[in-house]
N, C-alpha and C. Protein backbone atom coordinates (compact mmCIF):
# COMPACT_ATOMS: atom_id res chain seq x y z
N UNK A 1 0.96 -1.07 -0.01
CA UNK A 1 0.07 0.08 0.29
C UNK A 1 1.24 1.53 -0.17
N UNK A 2 0.48 2.25 -0.98
CA UNK A 2 1.12 3.44 -0.83
C UNK A 2 0.70 4.53 -0.14
N UNK A 3 1.67 5.22 0.40
CA UNK A 3 0.92 6.61 1.52
C UNK A 3 1.48 7.40 0.45
N UNK A 4 -0.01 8.18 0.34
CA UNK A 4 -0.29 9.57 -0.65
C UNK A 4 0.49 11.11 0.18
N UNK A 5 0.62 10.91 1.59
CA UNK A 5 0.62 11.94 2.47
C UNK A 5 2.09 12.32 2.46
N UNK A 6 2.13 13.71 2.27
CA UNK A 6 3.29 14.52 2.35
C UNK A 6 4.37 14.27 3.10
N UNK A 7 5.42 14.20 3.19
CA UNK A 7 6.85 13.95 4.01
C UNK A 7 7.27 15.16 4.50
N UNK A 8 7.10 15.15 5.72
CA UNK A 8 7.57 16.61 6.31
C UNK A 8 9.09 16.40 6.54
N UNK A 9 9.69 17.81 6.08
CA UNK A 9 11.16 17.68 6.55
C UNK A 9 11.07 18.97 7.85
N UNK A 10 12.55 18.62 8.52
CA UNK A 10 12.79 19.43 9.84
C UNK A 10 14.30 19.68 9.75
N UNK A 11 14.39 20.88 10.04
CA UNK A 11 15.61 21.80 10.23
C UNK A 11 16.49 21.14 11.64
N UNK A 12 16.00 20.76 12.52
CA UNK A 12 16.33 20.88 13.82
C UNK A 12 15.71 19.11 14.62
N UNK A 13 16.41 18.58 15.33
CA UNK A 13 15.80 17.46 16.33
C UNK A 13 14.84 17.63 16.94
N UNK A 14 14.53 19.19 17.31
CA UNK A 14 13.64 19.81 18.41
C UNK A 14 12.66 20.06 17.66
N UNK A 15 12.57 20.07 16.28
CA UNK A 15 11.45 20.03 15.35
C UNK A 15 11.02 19.20 15.17
N UNK A 16 11.27 18.15 14.59
CA UNK A 16 11.09 16.83 14.75
C UNK A 16 10.32 15.98 16.08
N UNK A 17 11.08 16.14 17.06
CA UNK A 17 10.49 15.80 18.33
C UNK A 17 9.35 16.38 18.67
N UNK A 18 8.92 17.69 18.40
CA UNK A 18 7.27 18.54 18.74
C UNK A 18 6.66 18.39 17.49
N UNK A 19 7.68 17.96 16.15
CA UNK A 19 6.21 17.61 15.42
C UNK A 19 5.99 19.05 14.50
N UNK A 20 6.65 20.05 14.87
CA UNK A 20 6.42 21.28 14.01
C UNK A 20 7.78 22.24 13.98
N UNK A 21 8.23 22.87 12.81
CA UNK A 21 9.41 23.77 13.08
C UNK A 21 8.91 24.99 12.71
N UNK A 22 9.97 25.94 13.41
CA UNK A 22 9.57 27.54 12.93
C UNK A 22 9.63 27.53 11.63
N UNK A 23 8.79 28.78 11.32
CA UNK A 23 8.59 28.87 9.70
C UNK A 23 9.53 30.09 9.46
N UNK A 24 10.87 29.57 9.07
CA UNK A 24 12.16 30.87 8.74
C UNK A 24 13.10 30.22 7.74
N UNK A 25 13.71 30.75 6.98
CA UNK A 25 14.77 30.45 6.65
C UNK A 25 15.95 30.12 7.13
N UNK A 26 16.52 28.65 6.67
CA UNK A 26 17.60 28.23 7.14
C UNK A 26 18.96 29.11 7.32
N UNK A 27 19.63 29.71 8.06
CA UNK A 27 20.59 30.41 8.01
C UNK A 27 21.82 29.83 8.90
N UNK A 28 23.11 30.62 8.33
CA UNK A 28 24.59 29.69 9.06
C UNK A 28 24.92 31.03 8.95
N UNK A 29 25.56 31.50 10.28
CA UNK A 29 26.87 32.76 10.62
C UNK A 29 27.88 32.50 11.20
N UNK A 30 28.65 32.93 10.91
CA UNK A 30 30.27 32.98 11.62
C UNK A 30 30.63 34.04 11.68
N UNK A 31 31.77 33.61 12.50
CA UNK A 31 32.57 34.88 12.93
C UNK A 31 33.79 34.48 13.83
N UNK A 32 35.26 35.27 13.90
CA UNK A 32 36.39 34.76 14.16
C UNK A 32 36.77 35.91 14.85
N UNK A 33 37.86 35.68 16.00
CA UNK A 33 38.08 36.90 16.79
C UNK A 33 39.30 36.34 17.30
N UNK A 34 40.76 37.09 17.56
CA UNK A 34 41.90 37.17 18.53
C UNK A 34 40.82 37.34 19.97
N UNK A 35 40.99 36.41 20.82
CA UNK A 35 40.94 36.71 22.04
C UNK A 35 42.29 36.78 23.27
N UNK A 36 42.66 37.98 24.40
CA UNK A 36 43.79 37.70 24.94
C UNK A 36 42.82 37.99 26.25
N UNK A 37 43.02 36.76 27.15
CA UNK A 37 42.62 37.07 28.53
C UNK A 37 43.55 36.24 29.85
N UNK A 38 42.88 37.21 30.86
CA UNK A 38 43.56 36.70 32.10
C UNK A 38 44.01 37.83 33.16
N UNK A 39 44.77 37.99 33.68
CA UNK A 39 45.27 38.90 34.77
C UNK A 39 45.62 39.69 34.23
N UNK A 40 45.00 40.76 33.38
CA UNK A 40 45.84 41.66 32.26
C UNK A 40 45.43 43.15 33.16
N UNK A 41 46.49 43.78 33.57
CA UNK A 41 46.45 44.97 34.49
C UNK A 41 46.06 46.27 33.78
N UNK A 42 46.77 46.04 32.35
CA UNK A 42 46.57 47.36 31.16
C UNK A 42 46.34 46.91 30.23
N UNK A 43 45.00 46.94 29.73
CA UNK A 43 44.42 46.56 28.35
C UNK A 43 44.95 47.62 27.34
N UNK A 44 45.12 48.64 27.95
CA UNK A 44 46.10 49.33 26.46
C UNK A 44 47.49 49.37 26.02
N UNK A 45 48.01 48.34 27.05
CA UNK A 45 49.43 47.95 26.92
C UNK A 45 49.08 46.90 25.44
N UNK A 46 47.96 46.16 25.61
CA UNK A 46 47.72 45.10 24.57
C UNK A 46 47.84 45.76 23.05
N UNK A 47 46.77 46.57 23.26
CA UNK A 47 46.50 47.85 22.16
C UNK A 47 47.85 48.03 21.48
N UNK A 48 48.70 48.89 22.62
CA UNK A 48 49.74 49.76 21.93
C UNK A 48 50.78 48.47 21.16
N UNK A 49 50.94 47.38 22.31
CA UNK A 49 52.05 46.32 21.62
C UNK A 49 51.53 45.54 20.19
N UNK A 50 50.11 45.68 20.09
CA UNK A 50 49.51 45.18 18.51
C UNK A 50 49.36 45.98 17.73
N UNK A 51 49.47 47.32 18.27
CA UNK A 51 49.18 48.40 17.04
C UNK A 51 47.55 48.35 16.43
N UNK A 52 46.81 47.41 16.98
CA UNK A 52 45.34 47.31 16.95
C UNK A 52 44.13 47.44 17.50
N UNK A 53 43.16 48.56 17.36
CA UNK A 53 42.05 48.55 18.29
C UNK A 53 40.96 47.62 18.74
N UNK A 54 41.29 47.32 19.60
CA UNK A 54 40.30 46.12 20.00
C UNK A 54 38.81 46.53 19.41
N UNK A 55 38.40 45.31 19.20
CA UNK A 55 36.84 45.09 18.83
C UNK A 55 36.01 45.45 20.14
N UNK A 56 36.31 45.08 21.47
CA UNK A 56 35.73 44.89 22.54
C UNK A 56 36.67 44.66 23.67
N UNK A 57 36.92 45.06 24.76
CA UNK A 57 37.61 44.52 25.97
C UNK A 57 36.49 44.93 26.97
N UNK A 58 36.98 44.32 28.47
CA UNK A 58 36.57 44.42 29.46
C UNK A 58 37.70 44.15 30.62
N UNK A 59 37.26 45.00 32.25
CA UNK A 59 38.45 44.57 32.99
C UNK A 59 37.79 43.35 33.81
N UNK A 60 38.63 42.53 34.50
CA UNK A 60 37.81 41.95 35.63
C UNK A 60 37.01 42.40 36.78
N UNK A 61 35.64 41.89 36.78
CA UNK A 61 35.16 42.35 37.73
C UNK A 61 33.89 43.55 37.32
N UNK A 62 34.52 43.80 36.02
CA UNK A 62 32.97 44.70 34.98
C UNK A 62 32.37 43.68 34.90
N UNK A 63 30.82 44.49 34.05
CA UNK A 63 29.74 43.61 34.12
C UNK A 63 29.30 44.34 33.11
N UNK A 64 28.46 43.44 32.10
CA UNK A 64 27.78 43.63 30.70
C UNK A 64 26.76 44.38 31.38
N UNK A 65 26.03 44.12 31.93
CA UNK A 65 24.88 45.18 32.34
C UNK A 65 24.40 44.71 33.50
N UNK A 66 23.67 45.65 34.46
CA UNK A 66 23.37 45.78 35.65
C UNK A 66 23.09 44.29 36.62
N UNK A 67 22.55 43.56 35.56
CA UNK A 67 22.18 42.42 36.00
C UNK A 67 23.11 41.03 35.96
N UNK A 68 23.74 41.23 35.02
CA UNK A 68 24.96 40.21 34.73
C UNK A 68 25.87 39.99 35.60
N UNK A 69 26.57 38.94 35.85
CA UNK A 69 27.69 38.21 36.77
C UNK A 69 28.75 39.05 36.15
N UNK A 70 29.84 39.46 36.92
CA UNK A 70 31.40 39.84 36.91
C UNK A 70 31.88 38.94 36.02
N UNK A 71 32.62 39.68 35.30
CA UNK A 71 33.26 38.84 34.41
C UNK A 71 34.62 38.41 35.30
N UNK A 72 35.25 37.37 35.27
CA UNK A 72 36.32 36.71 36.27
C UNK A 72 37.34 36.92 35.60
N UNK A 73 37.81 37.42 34.47
CA UNK A 73 39.19 38.24 33.67
C UNK A 73 39.33 38.90 33.03
N UNK A 74 39.94 39.62 32.82
CA UNK A 74 40.04 41.05 31.95
C UNK A 74 40.43 40.32 30.09
N UNK A 75 39.97 40.72 29.20
CA UNK A 75 39.89 40.48 27.84
C UNK A 75 39.96 41.16 27.36
N UNK A 76 40.56 40.95 25.76
CA UNK A 76 40.90 41.96 24.94
C UNK A 76 40.44 41.15 23.54
N UNK A 77 39.81 41.59 22.45
CA UNK A 77 39.22 41.05 21.49
C UNK A 77 39.16 41.89 20.62
N UNK A 78 39.90 41.20 19.05
CA UNK A 78 39.52 42.04 17.93
C UNK A 78 38.55 41.06 16.76
N UNK A 79 37.99 41.23 16.72
CA UNK A 79 36.94 40.46 15.69
C UNK A 79 37.20 40.55 14.27
N UNK A 80 37.35 39.79 13.18
CA UNK A 80 37.36 40.05 11.86
C UNK A 80 36.33 41.00 11.24
N UNK A 81 36.52 42.16 10.49
CA UNK A 81 35.49 42.98 10.10
C UNK A 81 34.97 42.28 9.05
N UNK A 82 34.46 41.38 9.30
CA UNK A 82 33.55 40.33 7.68
C UNK A 82 32.09 40.15 8.43
N UNK A 83 31.63 40.12 7.30
CA UNK A 83 29.96 39.95 7.58
C UNK A 83 29.93 38.64 8.21
N UNK A 84 28.77 38.49 9.25
CA UNK A 84 28.45 37.31 9.77
C UNK A 84 27.94 36.10 8.60
N UNK A 85 27.56 36.74 7.55
CA UNK A 85 27.28 35.69 6.33
C UNK A 85 28.21 34.76 5.60
N UNK A 86 29.65 35.32 5.58
CA UNK A 86 30.74 35.20 5.26
C UNK A 86 31.07 33.89 5.33
N UNK A 87 31.50 32.90 4.55
CA UNK A 87 31.91 31.67 5.43
C UNK A 87 33.24 31.80 6.31
N UNK A 88 33.27 30.65 7.24
CA UNK A 88 34.11 30.97 8.36
C UNK A 88 35.69 31.59 7.86
N UNK A 89 36.13 30.81 6.78
CA UNK A 89 37.35 30.77 6.05
C UNK A 89 37.42 32.41 5.43
N UNK A 90 36.54 33.05 5.10
CA UNK A 90 37.00 34.53 5.02
C UNK A 90 36.95 35.28 6.27
N UNK A 91 36.55 35.01 7.20
CA UNK A 91 36.62 35.63 8.59
C UNK A 91 38.05 35.27 8.76
N UNK A 92 38.31 34.16 8.99
CA UNK A 92 40.33 33.55 9.61
C UNK A 92 41.09 34.08 8.56
N UNK A 93 40.69 34.13 7.18
CA UNK A 93 41.98 35.24 6.30
C UNK A 93 41.21 36.55 6.65
N UNK A 94 40.69 37.20 6.77
CA UNK A 94 40.48 38.23 7.03
C UNK A 94 41.40 38.83 8.65
N UNK A 95 41.56 37.91 9.44
CA UNK A 95 41.79 38.30 10.63
C UNK A 95 43.11 37.69 10.66
N UNK A 96 43.83 36.88 9.79
CA UNK A 96 45.51 36.57 9.63
C UNK A 96 46.09 37.66 8.67
N UNK A 97 45.28 38.35 7.78
CA UNK A 97 45.73 39.78 7.05
C UNK A 97 46.46 40.55 8.09
N UNK A 98 45.44 40.91 9.25
CA UNK A 98 46.08 41.95 10.19
C UNK A 98 46.93 41.25 11.52
N UNK A 99 46.77 40.11 11.58
CA UNK A 99 47.65 39.38 12.64
C UNK A 99 48.65 39.05 12.10
N UNK A 100 49.45 38.47 10.70
CA UNK A 100 50.41 37.71 10.69
C UNK A 100 51.27 38.65 10.85
N UNK A 101 51.55 40.32 10.59
CA UNK A 101 52.34 40.88 11.14
C UNK A 101 52.66 41.22 12.14
N UNK A 102 51.78 40.83 13.40
CA UNK A 102 52.37 40.88 14.83
C UNK A 102 52.41 39.46 15.59
N UNK A 103 52.68 38.26 14.60
CA UNK A 103 52.90 37.13 14.74
C UNK A 103 53.57 37.09 16.26
N UNK A 104 54.82 38.24 16.18
CA UNK A 104 56.02 37.72 16.97
C UNK A 104 55.25 38.30 18.71
N UNK A 105 54.54 39.46 18.24
CA UNK A 105 53.91 40.15 19.56
C UNK A 105 53.26 39.10 20.19
N UNK A 106 52.29 38.70 19.43
CA UNK A 106 51.12 37.63 20.00
C UNK A 106 51.51 36.68 20.69
N UNK A 107 52.99 36.14 20.20
CA UNK A 107 53.75 34.91 21.00
C UNK A 107 54.15 35.10 22.07
N UNK A 108 54.35 36.52 22.11
CA UNK A 108 54.91 37.37 23.50
C UNK A 108 53.94 37.11 24.63
N UNK A 109 52.63 37.63 24.01
CA UNK A 109 51.80 37.73 25.10
C UNK A 109 51.27 36.69 25.55
N UNK A 110 51.49 35.39 24.68
CA UNK A 110 50.93 33.65 24.79
C UNK A 110 51.74 33.49 26.34
N UNK A 111 52.85 34.30 26.43
CA UNK A 111 53.73 33.67 27.68
C UNK A 111 53.17 34.37 29.10
N UNK A 112 52.22 35.58 28.52
CA UNK A 112 51.68 35.69 30.20
C UNK A 112 50.05 35.60 30.12
N UNK A 113 49.59 35.67 28.98
CA UNK A 113 48.00 35.65 29.12
C UNK A 113 47.48 34.46 27.79
N UNK A 114 46.34 33.97 28.39
CA UNK A 114 45.68 33.14 27.40
C UNK A 114 45.17 33.64 26.10
N UNK A 115 45.59 33.17 24.97
CA UNK A 115 45.56 33.67 23.54
C UNK A 115 45.03 32.37 22.86
N UNK A 116 43.82 32.87 22.13
CA UNK A 116 43.23 32.09 21.43
C UNK A 116 42.46 32.57 20.44
N UNK A 117 42.15 32.02 18.85
CA UNK A 117 41.33 32.31 18.35
C UNK A 117 39.88 32.08 18.16
N UNK A 118 38.98 32.84 18.68
CA UNK A 118 37.32 32.40 18.82
C UNK A 118 36.88 31.87 17.63
N UNK A 119 36.26 30.98 17.25
CA UNK A 119 35.54 30.98 15.91
C UNK A 119 34.27 30.41 16.55
N UNK A 120 33.05 31.03 15.77
CA UNK A 120 31.95 30.89 16.12
C UNK A 120 31.19 30.71 15.00
N UNK A 121 29.94 29.47 15.07
CA UNK A 121 29.37 29.13 14.15
C UNK A 121 27.75 28.81 14.85
N UNK A 122 26.72 29.79 14.21
CA UNK A 122 25.67 29.97 14.82
C UNK A 122 24.42 29.63 13.47
N UNK A 123 23.26 28.85 14.01
CA UNK A 123 22.63 28.69 12.90
C UNK A 123 21.12 27.78 13.51
N UNK A 124 20.03 27.78 12.90
CA UNK A 124 18.88 27.40 13.30
C UNK A 124 18.48 26.06 12.23
N UNK A 125 19.49 25.26 12.32
CA UNK A 125 19.47 24.01 11.40
C UNK A 125 20.91 22.93 12.15
N UNK A 126 19.83 22.10 12.63
CA UNK A 126 21.24 21.16 13.16
C UNK A 126 21.90 20.01 12.38
N UNK A 127 21.67 19.80 11.50
CA UNK A 127 22.42 19.58 10.63
C UNK A 127 23.23 19.94 9.35
N UNK A 128 23.94 20.51 9.80
CA UNK A 128 25.31 21.33 8.49
C UNK A 128 26.29 21.41 8.99
N UNK A 129 27.02 21.61 8.38
CA UNK A 129 28.91 21.22 8.55
C UNK A 129 29.86 22.63 8.41
N UNK A 130 30.82 22.60 8.74
CA UNK A 130 31.58 23.59 8.29
C UNK A 130 32.85 22.62 7.50
N UNK A 131 33.19 23.51 6.28
CA UNK A 131 34.29 22.92 5.56
C UNK A 131 35.51 24.23 5.49
N UNK A 132 36.72 23.78 5.81
CA UNK A 132 37.42 24.67 5.68
C UNK A 132 39.00 24.07 4.66
N UNK A 133 39.28 25.33 4.09
CA UNK A 133 40.04 25.00 3.21
C UNK A 133 41.74 25.42 4.11
N UNK A 134 42.47 23.99 3.72
CA UNK A 134 43.67 24.06 4.66
C UNK A 134 44.45 25.30 5.02
N UNK A 135 44.54 25.99 3.95
CA UNK A 135 45.35 27.54 4.06
C UNK A 135 44.48 28.44 5.19
N UNK A 136 43.13 28.21 5.90
CA UNK A 136 42.75 28.71 6.82
C UNK A 136 42.72 28.04 8.09
N UNK A 137 43.69 26.97 7.97
CA UNK A 137 44.15 26.80 9.30
C UNK A 137 45.72 27.28 9.80
N UNK A 138 46.04 28.25 8.53
CA UNK A 138 47.67 28.65 8.71
C UNK A 138 47.71 29.47 9.77
N UNK A 139 46.60 30.12 10.29
CA UNK A 139 46.82 31.21 11.63
C UNK A 139 47.16 30.59 12.68
N UNK A 140 46.32 29.29 12.88
CA UNK A 140 46.23 28.37 13.85
C UNK A 140 47.84 27.58 14.28
N UNK A 141 48.54 27.42 13.12
CA UNK A 141 49.62 26.76 13.09
C UNK A 141 50.38 27.87 13.39
N UNK A 142 50.78 28.99 12.80
CA UNK A 142 51.52 30.01 13.27
C UNK A 142 51.56 30.52 14.35
N UNK A 143 50.55 30.39 14.93
CA UNK A 143 50.41 31.33 16.50
C UNK A 143 50.26 29.94 17.12
N UNK A 144 50.30 28.69 17.03
CA UNK A 144 50.48 27.48 17.67
C UNK A 144 49.35 27.39 18.77
N UNK A 145 47.98 27.77 18.30
CA UNK A 145 47.11 27.76 18.70
C UNK A 145 46.25 26.93 18.57
N UNK A 146 45.12 25.85 19.44
CA UNK A 146 44.27 24.60 18.47
C UNK A 146 43.30 25.35 18.04
N UNK A 147 42.66 24.72 16.90
CA UNK A 147 41.66 25.11 16.46
C UNK A 147 40.27 24.89 17.29
N UNK A 148 39.63 25.54 17.59
CA UNK A 148 38.34 25.46 18.25
C UNK A 148 37.12 26.00 17.34
N UNK A 149 36.29 25.29 17.51
CA UNK A 149 34.46 25.92 17.01
C UNK A 149 33.70 25.96 17.78
N UNK A 150 32.72 27.29 18.17
CA UNK A 150 31.78 27.40 19.00
C UNK A 150 30.64 27.15 18.54
N UNK A 151 29.99 25.82 18.84
CA UNK A 151 28.58 25.81 17.90
C UNK A 151 27.09 26.39 18.37
N UNK A 152 26.89 27.10 18.10
CA UNK A 152 25.22 27.38 18.54
C UNK A 152 24.48 26.77 17.73
N UNK A 153 23.23 26.12 17.72
CA UNK A 153 22.35 25.88 17.05
C UNK A 153 20.76 26.78 17.84
N UNK A 154 20.38 27.67 17.19
CA UNK A 154 19.11 28.30 17.82
C UNK A 154 17.69 27.28 17.02
């Protein structure tokens, strides 16, 4: 016997379990940023050493908002100026274009503070993936930083 009912597709496991999915287009957004954090007494020193203005920074104990918890450490962040709709490879390429001339300074900062490259992936679809050309990983090799990816499915 052939069932003529229409097969419904789902973007997320949550939608499948609930039997309904939010009516929105699938999106995938990316970001990449250099993060330096720890017991940084003078965030301006990092800015002066790298000769890059941070995208954002905060001191230990500051709060994002009045109801937010206090930050546990100081942080200096430079995010690649790339649209979040662009692939992760474009974010990493733009970041490396700025950072490669400051490689020695970043390696010096690693001796005092935690340094990483934060890569973000945000989507409303839980069954997709990320592919990077091998050249996109050069930033991790040169800065001796492991590749990590924060994945958020909304």
